[in-house]
Amino acid sequence: MNLVKRTAQLTTAALIAVFSTGCVGTIYAVKANAAASKLETAKTLEADELSEFEYWYAHEHMIKAQEQAAEANYGDAINYADIAEEYAEKAIEQARAARRGAGR
């Protein structure tokens, strides 16, 4: 699924969570949106090709975070979103370094 479309769905789900579960849903929404934003940046930098492990590790953790949030397992969803953000940042750094090294 397109990451932008997925992010829009996530934002909608997060807003629903905020109004239905209170604080935990808000924390998840903030963390998930940060991770999704970094994943989008990583994709733009071609990290899916230049930093494959980190990018796809982040991507799969983001999917798992969304699944957990859909089941109202916000504690687990937050943990998965944190991991997704961490590895998306690593993918961004590695993709930028690879692009510098290749003269792009």
C-alpha atoms as a PDB file:
ATOM      1  CA  MET A   1       0.000   0.000   0.000  1.00  0.00           C
ATOM      2  CA  ASN A   2       1.200   3.494  -0.765  1.00  0.00           C
ATOM      3  CA  LEU A   3       2.928   4.971   2.292  1.00  0.00           C
ATOM      4  CA  VAL A   4       1.172   8.323   1.915  1.00  0.00           C
ATOM      5  CA  LYS A   5      -2.222   6.631   1.820  1.00  0.00           C
ATOM      6  CA  ARG A   6      -1.193   4.471   4.756  1.00  0.00           C
ATOM      7  CA  THR A   7      -0.121   7.579   6.674  1.00  0.00           C
ATOM      8  CA  ALA A   8      -3.510   9.189   6.018  1.00  0.00           C
ATOM      9  CA  GLN A   9      -5.242   6.078   7.307  1.00  0.00           C
ATOM     10  CA  LEU A  10      -2.956   6.057  10.318  1.00  0.00           C
ATOM     11  CA  THR A  11      -3.737   9.687  11.056  1.00  0.00           C
ATOM     12  CA  THR A  12      -7.450   8.977  10.887  1.00  0.00           C
ATOM     13  CA  ALA A  13      -7.068   5.980  13.162  1.00  0.00           C
ATOM     14  CA  ALA A  14      -4.946   8.044  15.521  1.00  0.00           C
ATOM     15  CA  LEU A  15      -7.583  10.766  15.747  1.00  0.00           C
ATOM     16  CA  ILE A  16     -10.217   8.172  16.533  1.00  0.00           C
ATOM     17  CA  ALA A  17      -7.892   6.741  19.151  1.00  0.00           C
ATOM     18  CA  VAL A  18      -7.317  10.144  20.708  1.00  0.00           C
ATOM     19  CA  PHE A  19     -11.008  10.743  21.178  1.00  0.00           C
ATOM     20  CA  SER A  20     -11.813   7.241  22.367  1.00  0.00           C
ATOM     21  CA  THR A  21      -8.904   6.192  24.588  1.00  0.00           C
ATOM     22  CA  GLY A  22      -7.334   9.357  25.925  1.00  0.00           C
ATOM     23  CA  CYS A  23      -3.664   9.763  26.669  1.00  0.00           C
ATOM     24  CA  VAL A  24      -2.273   6.459  25.385  1.00  0.00           C
ATOM     25  CA  GLY A  25      -3.885   6.966  22.011  1.00  0.00           C
ATOM     26  CA  THR A  26      -2.373  10.426  21.807  1.00  0.00           C
ATOM     27  CA  ILE A  27       1.099   9.112  22.565  1.00  0.00           C
ATOM     28  CA  TYR A  28       0.713   6.447  19.905  1.00  0.00           C
ATOM     29  CA  ALA A  29      -0.511   8.994  17.355  1.00  0.00           C
ATOM     30  CA  VAL A  30       2.493  11.246  17.914  1.00  0.00           C
ATOM     31  CA  LYS A  31       5.002   8.396  17.744  1.00  0.00           C
ATOM     32  CA  ALA A  32       3.403   6.726  14.745  1.00  0.00           C
ATOM     33  CA  ASN A  33       3.231   9.956  12.776  1.00  0.00           C
ATOM     34  CA  ALA A  34       6.898  10.669  13.529  1.00  0.00           C
ATOM     35  CA  ALA A  35       7.879   7.184  12.365  1.00  0.00           C
ATOM     36  CA  ALA A  36       5.732   7.423   9.226  1.00  0.00           C
ATOM     37  CA  SER A  37       7.279  10.783   8.386  1.00  0.00           C
ATOM     38  CA  LYS A  38      10.792   9.391   8.715  1.00  0.00           C
ATOM     39  CA  LEU A  39       9.860   6.370   6.615  1.00  0.00           C
ATOM     40  CA  GLU A  40       8.582   8.698   3.910  1.00  0.00           C
ATOM     41  CA  THR A  41      11.861  10.631   4.017  1.00  0.00           C
ATOM     42  CA  ALA A  42      13.820   7.383   3.855  1.00  0.00           C
ATOM     43  CA  LYS A  43      11.805   6.246   0.828  1.00  0.00           C
ATOM     44  CA  THR A  44      12.458   9.585  -0.896  1.00  0.00           C
ATOM     45  CA  LEU A  45      16.196   9.062  -0.334  1.00  0.00           C
ATOM     46  CA  GLU A  46      15.907   5.568  -1.869  1.00  0.00           C
ATOM     47  CA  ALA A  47      16.788   3.937   1.442  1.00  0.00           C
ATOM     48  CA  ASP A  48      14.748   0.919   0.379  1.00  0.00           C
ATOM     49  CA  GLU A  49      17.625   0.242  -2.035  1.00  0.00           C
ATOM     50  CA  LEU A  50      20.588   1.966  -0.364  1.00  0.00           C
ATOM     51  CA  SER A  51      19.930   0.844   3.206  1.00  0.00           C
ATOM     52  CA  GLU A  52      17.701  -2.144   2.697  1.00  0.00           C
ATOM     53  CA  PHE A  53      17.840  -3.820   6.100  1.00  0.00           C
ATOM     54  CA  GLU A  54      17.165  -0.677   8.121  1.00  0.00           C
ATOM     55  CA  TYR A  55      14.448   0.593   5.796  1.00  0.00           C
ATOM     56  CA  TRP A  56      12.502  -2.653   5.615  1.00  0.00           C
ATOM     57  CA  TYR A  57      12.965  -3.349   9.330  1.00  0.00           C
ATOM     58  CA  ALA A  58      11.421   0.062  10.037  1.00  0.00           C
ATOM     59  CA  HIS A  59       8.696  -0.501   7.450  1.00  0.00           C
ATOM     60  CA  GLU A  60       7.630  -3.858   8.901  1.00  0.00           C
ATOM     61  CA  HIS A  61       7.657  -2.498  12.452  1.00  0.00           C
ATOM     62  CA  MET A  62       5.430   0.356  11.322  1.00  0.00           C
ATOM     63  CA  ILE A  63       2.955  -2.129   9.881  1.00  0.00           C
ATOM     64  CA  LYS A  64       3.035  -4.110  13.121  1.00  0.00           C
ATOM     65  CA  ALA A  65       2.483  -0.894  15.114  1.00  0.00           C
ATOM     66  CA  GLN A  66      -0.593  -0.135  13.017  1.00  0.00           C
ATOM     67  CA  GLU A  67      -1.918  -3.660  13.520  1.00  0.00           C
ATOM     68  CA  GLN A  68      -1.451  -3.418  17.279  1.00  0.00           C
ATOM     69  CA  ALA A  69      -3.145  -0.012  17.394  1.00  0.00           C
ATOM     70  CA  ALA A  70      -6.078  -1.381  15.409  1.00  0.00           C
ATOM     71  CA  GLU A  71      -6.491  -3.982  18.156  1.00  0.00           C
ATOM     72  CA  ALA A  72      -6.187  -1.271  20.850  1.00  0.00           C
ATOM     73  CA  ASN A  73      -2.868  -2.701  22.066  1.00  0.00           C
ATOM     74  CA  TYR A  74      -1.396   0.767  22.372  1.00  0.00           C
ATOM     75  CA  GLY A  75       1.549  -0.163  24.577  1.00  0.00           C
ATOM     76  CA  ASP A  76       2.801  -2.626  21.981  1.00  0.00           C
ATOM     77  CA  ALA A  77       1.926  -0.236  19.164  1.00  0.00           C
ATOM     78  CA  ILE A  78       4.029   2.486  20.772  1.00  0.00           C
ATOM     79  CA  ASN A  79       6.984   0.117  21.138  1.00  0.00           C
ATOM     80  CA  TYR A  80       6.772  -0.944  17.479  1.00  0.00           C
ATOM     81  CA  ALA A  81       6.449   2.686  16.363  1.00  0.00           C
ATOM     82  CA  ASP A  82       9.546   3.608  18.401  1.00  0.00           C
ATOM     83  CA  ILE A  83      11.540   0.855  16.722  1.00  0.00           C
ATOM     84  CA  ALA A  84      10.216   1.907  13.319  1.00  0.00           C
ATOM     85  CA  GLU A  85      11.302   5.490  13.923  1.00  0.00           C
ATOM     86  CA  GLU A  86      14.744   4.441  15.169  1.00  0.00           C
ATOM     87  CA  TYR A  87      15.451   2.266  12.139  1.00  0.00           C
ATOM     88  CA  ALA A  88      13.957   4.766   9.694  1.00  0.00           C
ATOM     89  CA  GLU A  89      16.420   7.334  11.050  1.00  0.00           C
ATOM     90  CA  LYS A  90      19.277   4.846  10.577  1.00  0.00           C
ATOM     91  CA  ALA A  91      18.090   4.191   7.026  1.00  0.00           C
ATOM     92  CA  ILE A  92      18.033   7.943   6.328  1.00  0.00           C
ATOM     93  CA  GLU A  93      21.564   8.379   7.648  1.00  0.00           C
ATOM     94  CA  GLN A  94      22.898   5.432   5.661  1.00  0.00           C
ATOM     95  CA  ALA A  95      21.112   6.447   2.470  1.00  0.00           C
ATOM     96  CA  ARG A  96      22.519   9.975   2.745  1.00  0.00           C
ATOM     97  CA  ALA A  97      26.012   8.588   3.311  1.00  0.00           C
ATOM     98  CA  ALA A  98      25.656   6.265   0.324  1.00  0.00           C
ATOM     99  CA  ARG A  99      24.422   9.109  -1.869  1.00  0.00           C
ATOM    100  CA  ARG A 100      27.372  11.299  -0.807  1.00  0.00           C
ATOM    101  CA  GLY A 101      29.747   8.433  -1.532  1.00  0.00           C
ATOM    102  CA  ALA A 102      28.251   7.930  -4.987  1.00  0.00           C
ATOM    103  CA  GLY A 103      28.310  11.630  -5.734  1.00  0.00           C
ATOM    104  CA  ARG A 104      24.517  11.905  -6.065  1.00  0.00           C
END
